[in-house]
């Protein structure tokens, strides 16, 4: 199976922040990002912002949490078929962080894996 039709583009870039309110203020007031939405799907709070078509996801970290993956938490790629994309990663012996895609509701799914230098990457279908 080829990957040529699976990967469509960058969905968003996840950036860690210790204080999500300060992060939102910085990116909107100083850098001119547009605030899109904020949510807390579990223990971690997220905020999505956009600048000229590029979306960042601020991922709030609790004070004292380690930044083991660096400050850039992950790069999310939009895919046309997440199941086929996961199969493609498996065929190419990519390090997977999950067994299968996770449903985010409303026919949206994500899946995390590692790049060759250990960088955290995400597949997103929605």
PDB file of N, CA and C in Angstrom:
ATOM      1  N   UNK A   1       0.841  -1.182   0.000  1.00  0.00           N
ATOM      2  CA  UNK A   1       0.000   0.000   0.000  1.00  0.00           C
ATOM      3  C   UNK A   1       0.881   1.238   0.000  1.00  0.00           C
ATOM      4  N   UNK A   2       0.555   2.202  -0.794  1.00  0.00           N
ATOM      5  CA  UNK A   2       1.309   3.446  -0.838  1.00  0.00           C
ATOM      6  C   UNK A   2       0.664   4.500   0.045  1.00  0.00           C
ATOM      7  N   UNK A   3       1.456   5.452   0.466  1.00  0.00           N
ATOM      8  CA  UNK A   3       0.968   6.501   1.353  1.00  0.00           C
ATOM      9  C   UNK A   3       0.539   7.753   0.609  1.00  0.00           C
ATOM     10  N   UNK A   4       0.696   7.794  -0.713  1.00  0.00           N
ATOM     11  CA  UNK A   4       0.542   9.034  -1.478  1.00  0.00           C
ATOM     12  C   UNK A   4      -0.790   9.743  -1.256  1.00  0.00           C
ATOM     13  N   UNK A   5      -1.887   9.007  -1.078  1.00  0.00           N
ATOM     14  CA  UNK A   5      -3.182   9.659  -0.909  1.00  0.00           C
ATOM     15  C   UNK A   5      -3.653   9.724   0.532  1.00  0.00           C
ATOM     16  N   UNK A   6      -2.846   9.277   1.476  1.00  0.00           N
ATOM     17  CA  UNK A   6      -3.263   9.252   2.873  1.00  0.00           C
ATOM     18  C   UNK A   6      -3.028  10.573   3.592  1.00  0.00           C
ATOM     19  N   UNK A   7      -1.891  11.213   3.358  1.00  0.00           N
ATOM     20  CA  UNK A   7      -1.497  12.398   4.123  1.00  0.00           C
ATOM     21  C   UNK A   7      -1.867  13.666   3.365  1.00  0.00           C
ATOM     22  N   UNK A   8      -2.675  14.542   4.001  1.00  0.00           N
ATOM     23  CA  UNK A   8      -3.198  15.726   3.329  1.00  0.00           C
ATOM     24  C   UNK A   8      -2.522  17.018   3.740  1.00  0.00           C
ATOM     25  N   UNK A   9      -1.988  17.091   4.943  1.00  0.00           N
ATOM     26  CA  UNK A   9      -1.373  18.334   5.382  1.00  0.00           C
ATOM     27  C   UNK A   9      -1.211  18.371   6.884  1.00  0.00           C
ATOM     28  N   UNK A  10      -0.751  19.506   7.379  1.00  0.00           N
ATOM     29  CA  UNK A  10      -0.565  19.687   8.812  1.00  0.00           C
ATOM     30  C   UNK A  10      -1.900  20.124   9.412  1.00  0.00           C
ATOM     31  N   UNK A  11      -2.365  19.380  10.401  1.00  0.00           N
ATOM     32  CA  UNK A  11      -3.596  19.718  11.121  1.00  0.00           C
ATOM     33  C   UNK A  11      -3.314  20.808  12.151  1.00  0.00           C
ATOM     34  N   UNK A  12      -2.332  20.582  13.006  1.00  0.00           N
ATOM     35  CA  UNK A  12      -1.936  21.568  14.006  1.00  0.00           C
ATOM     36  C   UNK A  12      -0.589  21.184  14.602  1.00  0.00           C
ATOM     37  N   UNK A  13      -0.025  22.118  15.343  1.00  0.00           N
ATOM     38  CA  UNK A  13       1.228  21.891  16.062  1.00  0.00           C
ATOM     39  C   UNK A  13       0.918  22.092  17.544  1.00  0.00           C
ATOM     40  N   UNK A  14       1.187  21.071  18.360  1.00  0.00           N
ATOM     41  CA  UNK A  14       0.930  21.147  19.790  1.00  0.00           C
ATOM     42  C   UNK A  14       2.129  21.732  20.519  1.00  0.00           C
ATOM     43  N   UNK A  15       1.884  22.769  21.326  1.00  0.00           N
ATOM     44  CA  UNK A  15       2.944  23.438  22.072  1.00  0.00           C
ATOM     45  C   UNK A  15       2.589  23.410  23.556  1.00  0.00           C
ATOM     46  N   UNK A  16       3.530  22.960  24.379  1.00  0.00           N
ATOM     47  CA  UNK A  16       3.291  22.894  25.820  1.00  0.00           C
ATOM     48  C   UNK A  16       3.358  24.292  26.430  1.00  0.00           C
ATOM     49  N   UNK A  17       2.495  24.509  27.419  1.00  0.00           N
ATOM     50  CA  UNK A  17       2.497  25.758  28.166  1.00  0.00           C
ATOM     51  C   UNK A  17       2.211  25.449  29.629  1.00  0.00           C
ATOM     52  N   UNK A  18       2.841  26.153  30.535  1.00  0.00           N
ATOM     53  CA  UNK A  18       2.607  25.926  31.965  1.00  0.00           C
ATOM     54  C   UNK A  18       1.334  26.641  32.409  1.00  0.00           C
ATOM     55  N   UNK A  19       1.008  27.770  31.785  1.00  0.00           N
ATOM     56  CA  UNK A  19      -0.196  28.526  32.134  1.00  0.00           C
ATOM     57  C   UNK A  19      -0.950  28.813  30.842  1.00  0.00           C
ATOM     58  N   UNK A  20      -2.059  28.126  30.646  1.00  0.00           N
ATOM     59  CA  UNK A  20      -2.783  28.241  29.381  1.00  0.00           C
ATOM     60  C   UNK A  20      -3.336  29.642  29.158  1.00  0.00           C
ATOM     61  N   UNK A  21      -3.762  30.334  30.242  1.00  0.00           N
ATOM     62  CA  UNK A  21      -4.275  31.700  30.084  1.00  0.00           C
ATOM     63  C   UNK A  21      -3.181  32.648  29.589  1.00  0.00           C
ATOM     64  N   UNK A  22      -1.985  32.520  30.180  1.00  0.00           N
ATOM     65  CA  UNK A  22      -0.854  33.342  29.717  1.00  0.00           C
ATOM     66  C   UNK A  22      -0.487  32.991  28.280  1.00  0.00           C
ATOM     67  N   UNK A  23      -0.538  31.703  27.938  1.00  0.00           N
ATOM     68  CA  UNK A  23      -0.232  31.279  26.576  1.00  0.00           C
ATOM     69  C   UNK A  23      -1.201  31.868  25.573  1.00  0.00           C
ATOM     70  N   UNK A  24      -2.487  31.820  25.895  1.00  0.00           N
ATOM     71  CA  UNK A  24      -3.508  32.387  25.002  1.00  0.00           C
ATOM     72  C   UNK A  24      -3.276  33.887  24.828  1.00  0.00           C
ATOM     73  N   UNK A  25      -3.028  34.579  25.934  1.00  0.00           N
ATOM     74  CA  UNK A  25      -2.792  36.019  25.862  1.00  0.00           C
ATOM     75  C   UNK A  25      -1.574  36.341  24.991  1.00  0.00           C
ATOM     76  N   UNK A  26      -0.482  35.605  25.176  1.00  0.00           N
ATOM     77  CA  UNK A  26       0.733  35.843  24.407  1.00  0.00           C
ATOM     78  C   UNK A  26       0.489  35.643  22.914  1.00  0.00           C
ATOM     79  N   UNK A  27      -0.076  34.492  22.549  1.00  0.00           N
ATOM     80  CA  UNK A  27      -0.251  34.197  21.126  1.00  0.00           C
ATOM     81  C   UNK A  27      -1.285  35.094  20.461  1.00  0.00           C
ATOM     82  N   UNK A  28      -2.323  35.528  21.205  1.00  0.00           N
ATOM     83  CA  UNK A  28      -3.327  36.397  20.589  1.00  0.00           C
ATOM     84  C   UNK A  28      -2.920  37.867  20.631  1.00  0.00           C
ATOM     85  N   UNK A  29      -2.488  38.352  21.778  1.00  0.00           N
ATOM     86  CA  UNK A  29      -2.196  39.787  21.927  1.00  0.00           C
ATOM     87  C   UNK A  29      -0.841  40.189  21.353  1.00  0.00           C
ATOM     88  N   UNK A  30       0.159  39.337  21.507  1.00  0.00           N
ATOM     89  CA  UNK A  30       1.507  39.689  21.054  1.00  0.00           C
ATOM     90  C   UNK A  30       1.753  39.239  19.615  1.00  0.00           C
ATOM     91  N   UNK A  31       1.333  38.005  19.290  1.00  0.00           N
ATOM     92  CA  UNK A  31       1.653  37.451  17.966  1.00  0.00           C
ATOM     93  C   UNK A  31       0.491  37.511  16.972  1.00  0.00           C
ATOM     94  N   UNK A  32      -0.697  37.907  17.402  1.00  0.00           N
ATOM     95  CA  UNK A  32      -1.808  38.108  16.475  1.00  0.00           C
ATOM     96  C   UNK A  32      -2.582  36.862  16.081  1.00  0.00           C
ATOM     97  N   UNK A  33      -2.450  35.784  16.840  1.00  0.00           N
ATOM     98  CA  UNK A  33      -3.235  34.582  16.551  1.00  0.00           C
ATOM     99  C   UNK A  33      -4.705  34.839  16.879  1.00  0.00           C
ATOM    100  N   UNK A  34      -5.581  34.138  16.176  1.00  0.00           N
ATOM    101  CA  UNK A  34      -7.014  34.181  16.440  1.00  0.00           C
ATOM    102  C   UNK A  34      -7.353  33.018  17.388  1.00  0.00           C
ATOM    103  N   UNK A  35      -8.066  33.305  18.470  1.00  0.00           N
ATOM    104  CA  UNK A  35      -8.508  32.262  19.390  1.00  0.00           C
ATOM    105  C   UNK A  35      -9.656  31.502  18.738  1.00  0.00           C
ATOM    106  N   UNK A  36      -9.535  30.167  18.679  1.00  0.00           N
ATOM    107  CA  UNK A  36     -10.587  29.343  18.075  1.00  0.00           C
ATOM    108  C   UNK A  36     -11.492  28.723  19.130  1.00  0.00           C
ATOM    109  N   UNK A  37     -10.924  27.916  20.005  1.00  0.00           N
ATOM    110  CA  UNK A  37     -11.706  27.316  21.080  1.00  0.00           C
ATOM    111  C   UNK A  37     -10.792  26.697  22.130  1.00  0.00           C
ATOM    112  N   UNK A  38     -11.420  26.362  23.239  1.00  0.00           N
ATOM    113  CA  UNK A  38     -10.710  25.815  24.389  1.00  0.00           C
ATOM    114  C   UNK A  38     -11.525  24.635  24.900  1.00  0.00           C
ATOM    115  N   UNK A  39     -10.850  23.564  25.336  1.00  0.00           N
ATOM    116  CA  UNK A  39     -11.581  22.422  25.872  1.00  0.00           C
ATOM    117  C   UNK A  39     -10.706  21.637  26.839  1.00  0.00           C
ATOM    118  N   UNK A  40     -11.347  20.812  27.641  1.00  0.00           N
ATOM    119  CA  UNK A  40     -10.640  19.967  28.591  1.00  0.00           C
ATOM    120  C   UNK A  40     -11.197  18.558  28.443  1.00  0.00           C
ATOM    121  N   UNK A  41     -10.642  17.773  27.498  1.00  0.00           N
ATOM    122  CA  UNK A  41     -11.178  16.438  27.230  1.00  0.00           C
ATOM    123  C   UNK A  41     -10.860  15.409  28.308  1.00  0.00           C
ATOM    124  N   UNK A  42      -9.953  15.733  29.195  1.00  0.00           N
ATOM    125  CA  UNK A  42      -9.550  14.826  30.270  1.00  0.00           C
ATOM    126  C   UNK A  42      -8.864  15.639  31.343  1.00  0.00           C
ATOM    127  N   UNK A  43      -7.672  15.241  31.726  1.00  0.00           N
ATOM    128  CA  UNK A  43      -6.922  15.964  32.754  1.00  0.00           C
ATOM    129  C   UNK A  43      -6.192  17.182  32.203  1.00  0.00           C
ATOM    130  N   UNK A  44      -5.980  17.212  30.899  1.00  0.00           N
ATOM    131  CA  UNK A  44      -5.201  18.278  30.262  1.00  0.00           C
ATOM    132  C   UNK A  44      -6.136  19.265  29.574  1.00  0.00           C
ATOM    133  N   UNK A  45      -5.878  20.556  29.761  1.00  0.00           N
ATOM    134  CA  UNK A  45      -6.662  21.575  29.072  1.00  0.00           C
ATOM    135  C   UNK A  45      -5.955  21.973  27.779  1.00  0.00           C
ATOM    136  N   UNK A  46      -6.743  22.199  26.736  1.00  0.00           N
ATOM    137  CA  UNK A  46      -6.227  22.529  25.406  1.00  0.00           C
ATOM    138  C   UNK A  46      -6.852  23.832  24.921  1.00  0.00           C
ATOM    139  N   UNK A  47      -6.085  24.597  24.155  1.00  0.00           N
ATOM    140  CA  UNK A  47      -6.606  25.795  23.493  1.00  0.00           C
ATOM    141  C   UNK A  47      -6.084  25.795  22.060  1.00  0.00           C
ATOM    142  N   UNK A  48      -6.967  26.089  21.116  1.00  0.00           N
ATOM    143  CA  UNK A  48      -6.608  26.110  19.701  1.00  0.00           C
ATOM    144  C   UNK A  48      -6.637  27.539  19.196  1.00  0.00           C
ATOM    145  N   UNK A  49      -5.552  27.918  18.480  1.00  0.00           N
ATOM    146  CA  UNK A  49      -5.413  29.262  17.938  1.00  0.00           C
ATOM    147  C   UNK A  49      -4.933  29.164  16.493  1.00  0.00           C
ATOM    148  N   UNK A  50      -5.238  30.181  15.696  1.00  0.00           N
ATOM    149  CA  UNK A  50      -4.864  30.133  14.273  1.00  0.00           C
ATOM    150  C   UNK A  50      -4.250  31.453  13.832  1.00  0.00           C
ATOM    151  N   UNK A  51      -3.246  31.328  12.979  1.00  0.00           N
ATOM    152  CA  UNK A  51      -2.623  32.479  12.335  1.00  0.00           C
ATOM    153  C   UNK A  51      -2.425  32.134  10.870  1.00  0.00           C
ATOM    154  N   UNK A  52      -3.149  32.816   9.990  1.00  0.00           N
ATOM    155  CA  UNK A  52      -2.996  32.640   8.547  1.00  0.00           C
ATOM    156  C   UNK A  52      -3.021  31.171   8.122  1.00  0.00           C
ATOM    157  N   UNK A  53      -3.993  30.427   8.637  1.00  0.00           N
ATOM    158  CA  UNK A  53      -4.158  29.040   8.222  1.00  0.00           C
ATOM    159  C   UNK A  53      -3.390  28.020   9.041  1.00  0.00           C
ATOM    160  N   UNK A  54      -2.445  28.452   9.867  1.00  0.00           N
ATOM    161  CA  UNK A  54      -1.689  27.530  10.710  1.00  0.00           C
ATOM    162  C   UNK A  54      -2.328  27.498  12.091  1.00  0.00           C
ATOM    163  N   UNK A  55      -2.642  26.290  12.558  1.00  0.00           N
ATOM    164  CA  UNK A  55      -3.274  26.126  13.862  1.00  0.00           C
ATOM    165  C   UNK A  55      -2.262  25.576  14.856  1.00  0.00           C
ATOM    166  N   UNK A  56      -2.242  26.186  16.052  1.00  0.00           N
ATOM    167  CA  UNK A  56      -1.461  25.631  17.147  1.00  0.00           C
ATOM    168  C   UNK A  56      -2.425  25.187  18.236  1.00  0.00           C
ATOM    169  N   UNK A  57      -2.020  24.151  18.950  1.00  0.00           N
ATOM    170  CA  UNK A  57      -2.781  23.646  20.086  1.00  0.00           C
ATOM    171  C   UNK A  57      -1.915  23.841  21.323  1.00  0.00           C
ATOM    172  N   UNK A  58      -2.346  24.710  22.225  1.00  0.00           N
ATOM    173  CA  UNK A  58      -1.626  24.876  23.481  1.00  0.00           C
ATOM    174  C   UNK A  58      -2.053  23.751  24.410  1.00  0.00           C
ATOM    175  N   UNK A  59      -1.079  23.041  24.960  1.00  0.00           N
ATOM    176  CA  UNK A  59      -1.320  21.906  25.844  1.00  0.00           C
ATOM    177  C   UNK A  59      -0.826  22.310  27.227  1.00  0.00           C
ATOM    178  N   UNK A  60      -1.756  22.531  28.162  1.00  0.00           N
ATOM    179  CA  UNK A  60      -1.350  22.998  29.481  1.00  0.00           C
ATOM    180  C   UNK A  60      -0.714  21.880  30.285  1.00  0.00           C
ATOM    181  N   UNK A  61       0.482  22.162  30.795  1.00  0.00           N
ATOM    182  CA  UNK A  61       1.217  21.234  31.647  1.00  0.00           C
ATOM    183  C   UNK A  61       1.126  21.756  33.074  1.00  0.00           C
ATOM    184  N   UNK A  62       1.045  20.869  34.019  1.00  0.00           N
ATOM    185  CA  UNK A  62       1.044  21.285  35.422  1.00  0.00           C
ATOM    186  C   UNK A  62       2.470  21.629  35.835  1.00  0.00           C
ATOM    187  N   UNK A  63       2.627  22.590  36.714  1.00  0.00           N
ATOM    188  CA  UNK A  63       3.958  22.969  37.179  1.00  0.00           C
ATOM    189  C   UNK A  63       4.669  21.743  37.728  1.00  0.00           C
ATOM    190  N   UNK A  64       5.913  21.585  37.368  1.00  0.00           N
ATOM    191  CA  UNK A  64       6.691  20.439  37.805  1.00  0.00           C
ATOM    192  C   UNK A  64       6.657  19.277  36.823  1.00  0.00           C
ATOM    193  N   UNK A  65       5.696  19.297  35.876  1.00  0.00           N
ATOM    194  CA  UNK A  65       5.670  18.227  34.868  1.00  0.00           C
ATOM    195  C   UNK A  65       6.912  18.312  34.011  1.00  0.00           C
ATOM    196  N   UNK A  66       7.383  17.199  33.598  1.00  0.00           N
ATOM    197  CA  UNK A  66       8.582  17.147  32.757  1.00  0.00           C
ATOM    198  C   UNK A  66       8.237  17.512  31.312  1.00  0.00           C
ATOM    199  N   UNK A  67       9.187  18.084  30.639  1.00  0.00           N
ATOM    200  CA  UNK A  67       9.054  18.416  29.219  1.00  0.00           C
ATOM    201  C   UNK A  67       9.877  17.405  28.429  1.00  0.00           C
ATOM    202  N   UNK A  68       9.637  16.107  28.693  1.00  0.00           N
ATOM    203  CA  UNK A  68      10.441  15.046  28.089  1.00  0.00           C
ATOM    204  C   UNK A  68      10.412  15.058  26.562  1.00  0.00           C
ATOM    205  N   UNK A  69       9.345  15.539  25.975  1.00  0.00           N
ATOM    206  CA  UNK A  69       9.267  15.619  24.517  1.00  0.00           C
ATOM    207  C   UNK A  69       9.659  16.999  24.005  1.00  0.00           C
ATOM    208  N   UNK A  70      10.162  17.850  24.872  1.00  0.00           N
ATOM    209  CA  UNK A  70      10.484  19.213  24.481  1.00  0.00           C
ATOM    210  C   UNK A  70       9.276  20.117  24.650  1.00  0.00           C
ATOM    211  N   UNK A  71       9.401  21.349  24.233  1.00  0.00           N
ATOM    212  CA  UNK A  71       8.314  22.310  24.363  1.00  0.00           C
ATOM    213  C   UNK A  71       7.283  22.111  23.257  1.00  0.00           C
ATOM    214  N   UNK A  72       7.740  21.756  22.067  1.00  0.00           N
ATOM    215  CA  UNK A  72       6.789  21.405  21.010  1.00  0.00           C
ATOM    216  C   UNK A  72       6.336  19.989  21.319  1.00  0.00           C
ATOM    217  N   UNK A  73       5.086  19.853  21.682  1.00  0.00           N
ATOM    218  CA  UNK A  73       4.545  18.577  22.142  1.00  0.00           C
ATOM    219  C   UNK A  73       4.365  17.594  21.001  1.00  0.00           C
ATOM    220  N   UNK A  74       3.796  18.056  19.874  1.00  0.00           N
ATOM    221  CA  UNK A  74       3.577  17.152  18.743  1.00  0.00           C
ATOM    222  C   UNK A  74       3.212  17.937  17.487  1.00  0.00           C
ATOM    223  N   UNK A  75       3.372  17.276  16.358  1.00  0.00           N
ATOM    224  CA  UNK A  75       2.936  17.777  15.061  1.00  0.00           C
ATOM    225  C   UNK A  75       1.824  16.852  14.606  1.00  0.00           C
ATOM    226  N   UNK A  76       0.652  17.385  14.315  1.00  0.00           N
ATOM    227  CA  UNK A  76      -0.491  16.574  13.884  1.00  0.00           C
ATOM    228  C   UNK A  76      -0.674  16.691  12.380  1.00  0.00           C
ATOM    229  N   UNK A  77      -0.798  15.548  11.728  1.00  0.00           N
ATOM    230  CA  UNK A  77      -0.998  15.482  10.286  1.00  0.00           C
ATOM    231  C   UNK A  77      -2.422  15.026   9.973  1.00  0.00           C
ATOM    232  N   UNK A  78      -3.079  15.713   9.046  1.00  0.00           N
ATOM    233  CA  UNK A  78      -4.410  15.323   8.614  1.00  0.00           C
ATOM    234  C   UNK A  78      -4.283  14.149   7.637  1.00  0.00           C
ATOM    235  N   UNK A  79      -5.117  13.127   7.839  1.00  0.00           N
ATOM    236  CA  UNK A  79      -5.121  11.965   6.945  1.00  0.00           C
ATOM    237  C   UNK A  79      -6.524  11.721   6.421  1.00  0.00           C
ATOM    238  N   UNK A  80      -6.597  11.088   5.256  1.00  0.00           N
ATOM    239  CA  UNK A  80      -7.885  10.786   4.643  1.00  0.00           C
ATOM    240  C   UNK A  80      -8.512   9.529   5.219  1.00  0.00           C
ATOM    241  N   UNK A  81      -7.695   8.567   5.639  1.00  0.00           N
ATOM    242  CA  UNK A  81      -8.186   7.305   6.196  1.00  0.00           C
ATOM    243  C   UNK A  81      -7.228   6.872   7.304  1.00  0.00           C
ATOM    244  N   UNK A  82      -7.618   7.112   8.542  1.00  0.00           N
ATOM    245  CA  UNK A  82      -6.704   6.885   9.662  1.00  0.00           C
ATOM    246  C   UNK A  82      -6.348   5.409   9.819  1.00  0.00           C
ATOM    247  N   UNK A  83      -7.272   4.509   9.552  1.00  0.00           N
ATOM    248  CA  UNK A  83      -6.976   3.072   9.668  1.00  0.00           C
ATOM    249  C   UNK A  83      -5.892   2.663   8.665  1.00  0.00           C
ATOM    250  N   UNK A  84      -6.019   3.118   7.435  1.00  0.00           N
ATOM    251  CA  UNK A  84      -5.011   2.805   6.412  1.00  0.00           C
ATOM    252  C   UNK A  84      -3.675   3.465   6.753  1.00  0.00           C
ATOM    253  N   UNK A  85      -3.725   4.678   7.287  1.00  0.00           N
ATOM    254  CA  UNK A  85      -2.488   5.369   7.650  1.00  0.00           C
ATOM    255  C   UNK A  85      -1.772   4.625   8.782  1.00  0.00           C
ATOM    256  N   UNK A  86      -2.520   4.117   9.760  1.00  0.00           N
ATOM    257  CA  UNK A  86      -1.917   3.345  10.850  1.00  0.00           C
ATOM    258  C   UNK A  86      -1.314   2.055  10.292  1.00  0.00           C
ATOM    259  N   UNK A  87      -2.025   1.409   9.378  1.00  0.00           N
ATOM    260  CA  UNK A  87      -1.478   0.198   8.735  1.00  0.00           C
ATOM    261  C   UNK A  87      -0.170   0.512   8.011  1.00  0.00           C
ATOM    262  N   UNK A  88      -0.134   1.660   7.345  1.00  0.00           N
ATOM    263  CA  UNK A  88       1.074   2.089   6.631  1.00  0.00           C
ATOM    264  C   UNK A  88       2.243   2.265   7.610  1.00  0.00           C
ATOM    265  N   UNK A  89       1.969   2.878   8.755  1.00  0.00           N
ATOM    266  CA  UNK A  89       3.007   3.053   9.766  1.00  0.00           C
ATOM    267  C   UNK A  89       3.500   1.705  10.275  1.00  0.00           C
ATOM    268  N   UNK A  90       2.574   0.784  10.513  1.00  0.00           N
ATOM    269  CA  UNK A  90       2.945  -0.556  10.985  1.00  0.00           C
ATOM    270  C   UNK A  90       3.815  -1.273   9.951  1.00  0.00           C
ATOM    271  N   UNK A  91       3.425  -1.185   8.687  1.00  0.00           N
ATOM    272  CA  UNK A  91       4.185  -1.823   7.603  1.00  0.00           C
ATOM    273  C   UNK A  91       5.612  -1.290   7.539  1.00  0.00           C
ATOM    274  N   UNK A  92       5.794  -0.056   7.962  1.00  0.00           N
ATOM    275  CA  UNK A  92       7.103   0.588   7.904  1.00  0.00           C
ATOM    276  C   UNK A  92       7.816   0.609   9.252  1.00  0.00           C
ATOM    277  N   UNK A  93       7.393  -0.255  10.158  1.00  0.00           N
ATOM    278  CA  UNK A  93       8.017  -0.446  11.471  1.00  0.00           C
ATOM    279  C   UNK A  93       8.198   0.847  12.271  1.00  0.00           C
ATOM    280  N   UNK A  94       7.209   1.728  12.184  1.00  0.00           N
ATOM    281  CA  UNK A  94       7.235   2.975  12.937  1.00  0.00           C
ATOM    282  C   UNK A  94       6.847   2.672  14.387  1.00  0.00           C
ATOM    283  N   UNK A  95       7.464   3.363  15.333  1.00  0.00           N
ATOM    284  CA  UNK A  95       7.145   3.181  16.751  1.00  0.00           C
ATOM    285  C   UNK A  95       5.780   3.797  17.036  1.00  0.00           C
ATOM    286  N   UNK A  96       4.852   2.973  17.490  1.00  0.00           N
ATOM    287  CA  UNK A  96       3.485   3.403  17.763  1.00  0.00           C
ATOM    288  C   UNK A  96       3.299   3.637  19.255  1.00  0.00           C
ATOM    289  N   UNK A  97       2.504   4.643  19.610  1.00  0.00           N
ATOM    290  CA  UNK A  97       2.228   4.945  21.009  1.00  0.00           C
ATOM    291  C   UNK A  97       0.855   4.449  21.445  1.00  0.00           C
ATOM    292  N   UNK A  98       0.101   3.864  20.523  1.00  0.00           N
ATOM    293  CA  UNK A  98      -1.237   3.356  20.795  1.00  0.00           C
ATOM    294  C   UNK A  98      -1.429   2.079  19.988  1.00  0.00           C
ATOM    295  N   UNK A  99      -2.455   1.328  20.345  1.00  0.00           N
ATOM    296  CA  UNK A  99      -2.789   0.129  19.586  1.00  0.00           C
ATOM    297  C   UNK A  99      -3.683   0.442  18.400  1.00  0.00           C
ATOM    298  N   UNK A 100      -4.579   1.410  18.587  1.00  0.00           N
ATOM    299  CA  UNK A 100      -5.538   1.750  17.533  1.00  0.00           C
ATOM    300  C   UNK A 100      -5.944   3.209  17.665  1.00  0.00           C
ATOM    301  N   UNK A 101      -6.558   3.773  16.627  1.00  0.00           N
ATOM    302  CA  UNK A 101      -7.017   5.162  16.694  1.00  0.00           C
ATOM    303  C   UNK A 101      -8.059   5.341  17.804  1.00  0.00           C
ATOM    304  N   UNK A 102      -8.068   6.533  18.380  1.00  0.00           N
ATOM    305  CA  UNK A 102      -9.017   6.877  19.442  1.00  0.00           C
ATOM    306  C   UNK A 102     -10.093   7.787  18.863  1.00  0.00           C
ATOM    307  N   UNK A 103     -11.347   7.477  19.170  1.00  0.00           N
ATOM    308  CA  UNK A 103     -12.454   8.311  18.735  1.00  0.00           C
ATOM    309  C   UNK A 103     -12.521   9.559  19.594  1.00  0.00           C
ATOM    310  N   UNK A 104     -12.614  10.705  18.939  1.00  0.00           N
ATOM    311  CA  UNK A 104     -12.764  11.988  19.622  1.00  0.00           C
ATOM    312  C   UNK A 104     -14.213  12.459  19.567  1.00  0.00           C
ATOM    313  N   UNK A 105     -15.097  11.615  19.025  1.00  0.00           N
ATOM    314  CA  UNK A 105     -16.499  11.973  18.839  1.00  0.00           C
ATOM    315  C   UNK A 105     -16.720  12.673  17.521  1.00  0.00           C
ATOM    316  N   UNK A 106     -17.946  12.683  17.074  1.00  0.00           N
ATOM    317  CA  UNK A 106     -18.331  13.380  15.837  1.00  0.00           C
ATOM    318  C   UNK A 106     -17.474  12.966  14.648  1.00  0.00           C
ATOM    319  N   UNK A 107     -17.189  11.649  14.552  1.00  0.00           N
ATOM    320  CA  UNK A 107     -16.416  11.079  13.439  1.00  0.00           C
ATOM    321  C   UNK A 107     -15.015  11.673  13.303  1.00  0.00           C
ATOM    322  N   UNK A 108     -14.421  12.030  14.446  1.00  0.00           N
ATOM    323  CA  UNK A 108     -13.049  12.516  14.476  1.00  0.00           C
ATOM    324  C   UNK A 108     -12.211  11.499  15.240  1.00  0.00           C
ATOM    325  N   UNK A 109     -10.964  11.273  14.778  1.00  0.00           N
ATOM    326  CA  UNK A 109     -10.084  10.277  15.376  1.00  0.00           C
ATOM    327  C   UNK A 109      -8.657  10.796  15.418  1.00  0.00           C
ATOM    328  N   UNK A 110      -7.882  10.303  16.400  1.00  0.00           N
ATOM    329  CA  UNK A 110      -6.457  10.607  16.397  1.00  0.00           C
ATOM    330  C   UNK A 110      -5.652   9.373  16.788  1.00  0.00           C
ATOM    331  N   UNK A 111      -4.351   9.454  16.520  1.00  0.00           N
ATOM    332  CA  UNK A 111      -3.444   8.333  16.766  1.00  0.00           C
ATOM    333  C   UNK A 111      -2.032   8.908  16.901  1.00  0.00           C
ATOM    334  N   UNK A 112      -1.318   8.528  17.979  1.00  0.00           N
ATOM    335  CA  UNK A 112       0.025   9.059  18.214  1.00  0.00           C
ATOM    336  C   UNK A 112       1.106   8.022  17.919  1.00  0.00           C
ATOM    337  N   UNK A 113       2.242   8.519  17.411  1.00  0.00           N
ATOM    338  CA  UNK A 113       3.393   7.667  17.084  1.00  0.00           C
ATOM    339  C   UNK A 113       4.658   8.504  17.197  1.00  0.00           C
ATOM    340  N   UNK A 114       5.812   7.873  16.998  1.00  0.00           N
ATOM    341  CA  UNK A 114       7.101   8.567  17.108  1.00  0.00           C
ATOM    342  C   UNK A 114       7.798   8.628  15.758  1.00  0.00           C
ATOM    343  N   UNK A 115       8.502   9.739  15.540  1.00  0.00           N
ATOM    344  CA  UNK A 115       9.361   9.876  14.379  1.00  0.00           C
ATOM    345  C   UNK A 115      10.718   9.254  14.666  1.00  0.00           C
ATOM    346  N   UNK A 116      11.628   9.297  13.714  1.00  0.00           N
ATOM    347  CA  UNK A 116      12.922   8.620  13.848  1.00  0.00           C
ATOM    348  C   UNK A 116      13.819   9.157  14.951  1.00  0.00           C
ATOM    349  N   UNK A 117      13.610  10.396  15.386  1.00  0.00           N
ATOM    350  CA  UNK A 117      14.421  10.959  16.469  1.00  0.00           C
ATOM    351  C   UNK A 117      13.659  10.986  17.790  1.00  0.00           C
ATOM    352  N   UNK A 118      12.545  10.266  17.836  1.00  0.00           N
ATOM    353  CA  UNK A 118      11.734  10.212  19.035  1.00  0.00           C
ATOM    354  C   UNK A 118      10.678  11.293  19.120  1.00  0.00           C
ATOM    355  N   UNK A 119      10.571  12.145  18.100  1.00  0.00           N
ATOM    356  CA  UNK A 119       9.577  13.204  18.129  1.00  0.00           C
ATOM    357  C   UNK A 119       8.169  12.611  18.119  1.00  0.00           C
ATOM    358  N   UNK A 120       7.266  13.262  18.839  1.00  0.00           N
ATOM    359  CA  UNK A 120       5.881  12.799  18.957  1.00  0.00           C
ATOM    360  C   UNK A 120       5.078  13.367  17.793  1.00  0.00           C
ATOM    361  N   UNK A 121       4.374  12.487  17.086  1.00  0.00           N
ATOM    362  CA  UNK A 121       3.566  12.868  15.934  1.00  0.00           C
ATOM    363  C   UNK A 121       2.159  12.330  16.115  1.00  0.00           C
ATOM    364  N   UNK A 122       1.193  12.982  15.462  1.00  0.00           N
ATOM    365  CA  UNK A 122      -0.213  12.586  15.576  1.00  0.00           C
ATOM    366  C   UNK A 122      -0.835  12.491  14.195  1.00  0.00           C
ATOM    367  N   UNK A 123      -1.659  11.477  13.993  1.00  0.00           N
ATOM    368  CA  UNK A 123      -2.530  11.412  12.823  1.00  0.00           C
ATOM    369  C   UNK A 123      -3.888  11.932  13.267  1.00  0.00           C
ATOM    370  N   UNK A 124      -4.539  12.715  12.422  1.00  0.00           N
ATOM    371  CA  UNK A 124      -5.861  13.256  12.754  1.00  0.00           C
ATOM    372  C   UNK A 124      -6.765  13.086  11.557  1.00  0.00           C
ATOM    373  N   UNK A 125      -7.956  12.523  11.809  1.00  0.00           N
ATOM    374  CA  UNK A 125      -8.989  12.423  10.773  1.00  0.00           C
ATOM    375  C   UNK A 125     -10.258  13.027  11.334  1.00  0.00           C
ATOM    376  N   UNK A 126     -10.828  13.967  10.611  1.00  0.00           N
ATOM    377  CA  UNK A 126     -12.044  14.588  11.132  1.00  0.00           C
ATOM    378  C   UNK A 126     -12.779  15.392  10.123  1.00  0.00           C
TER     379      UNK A 126
END
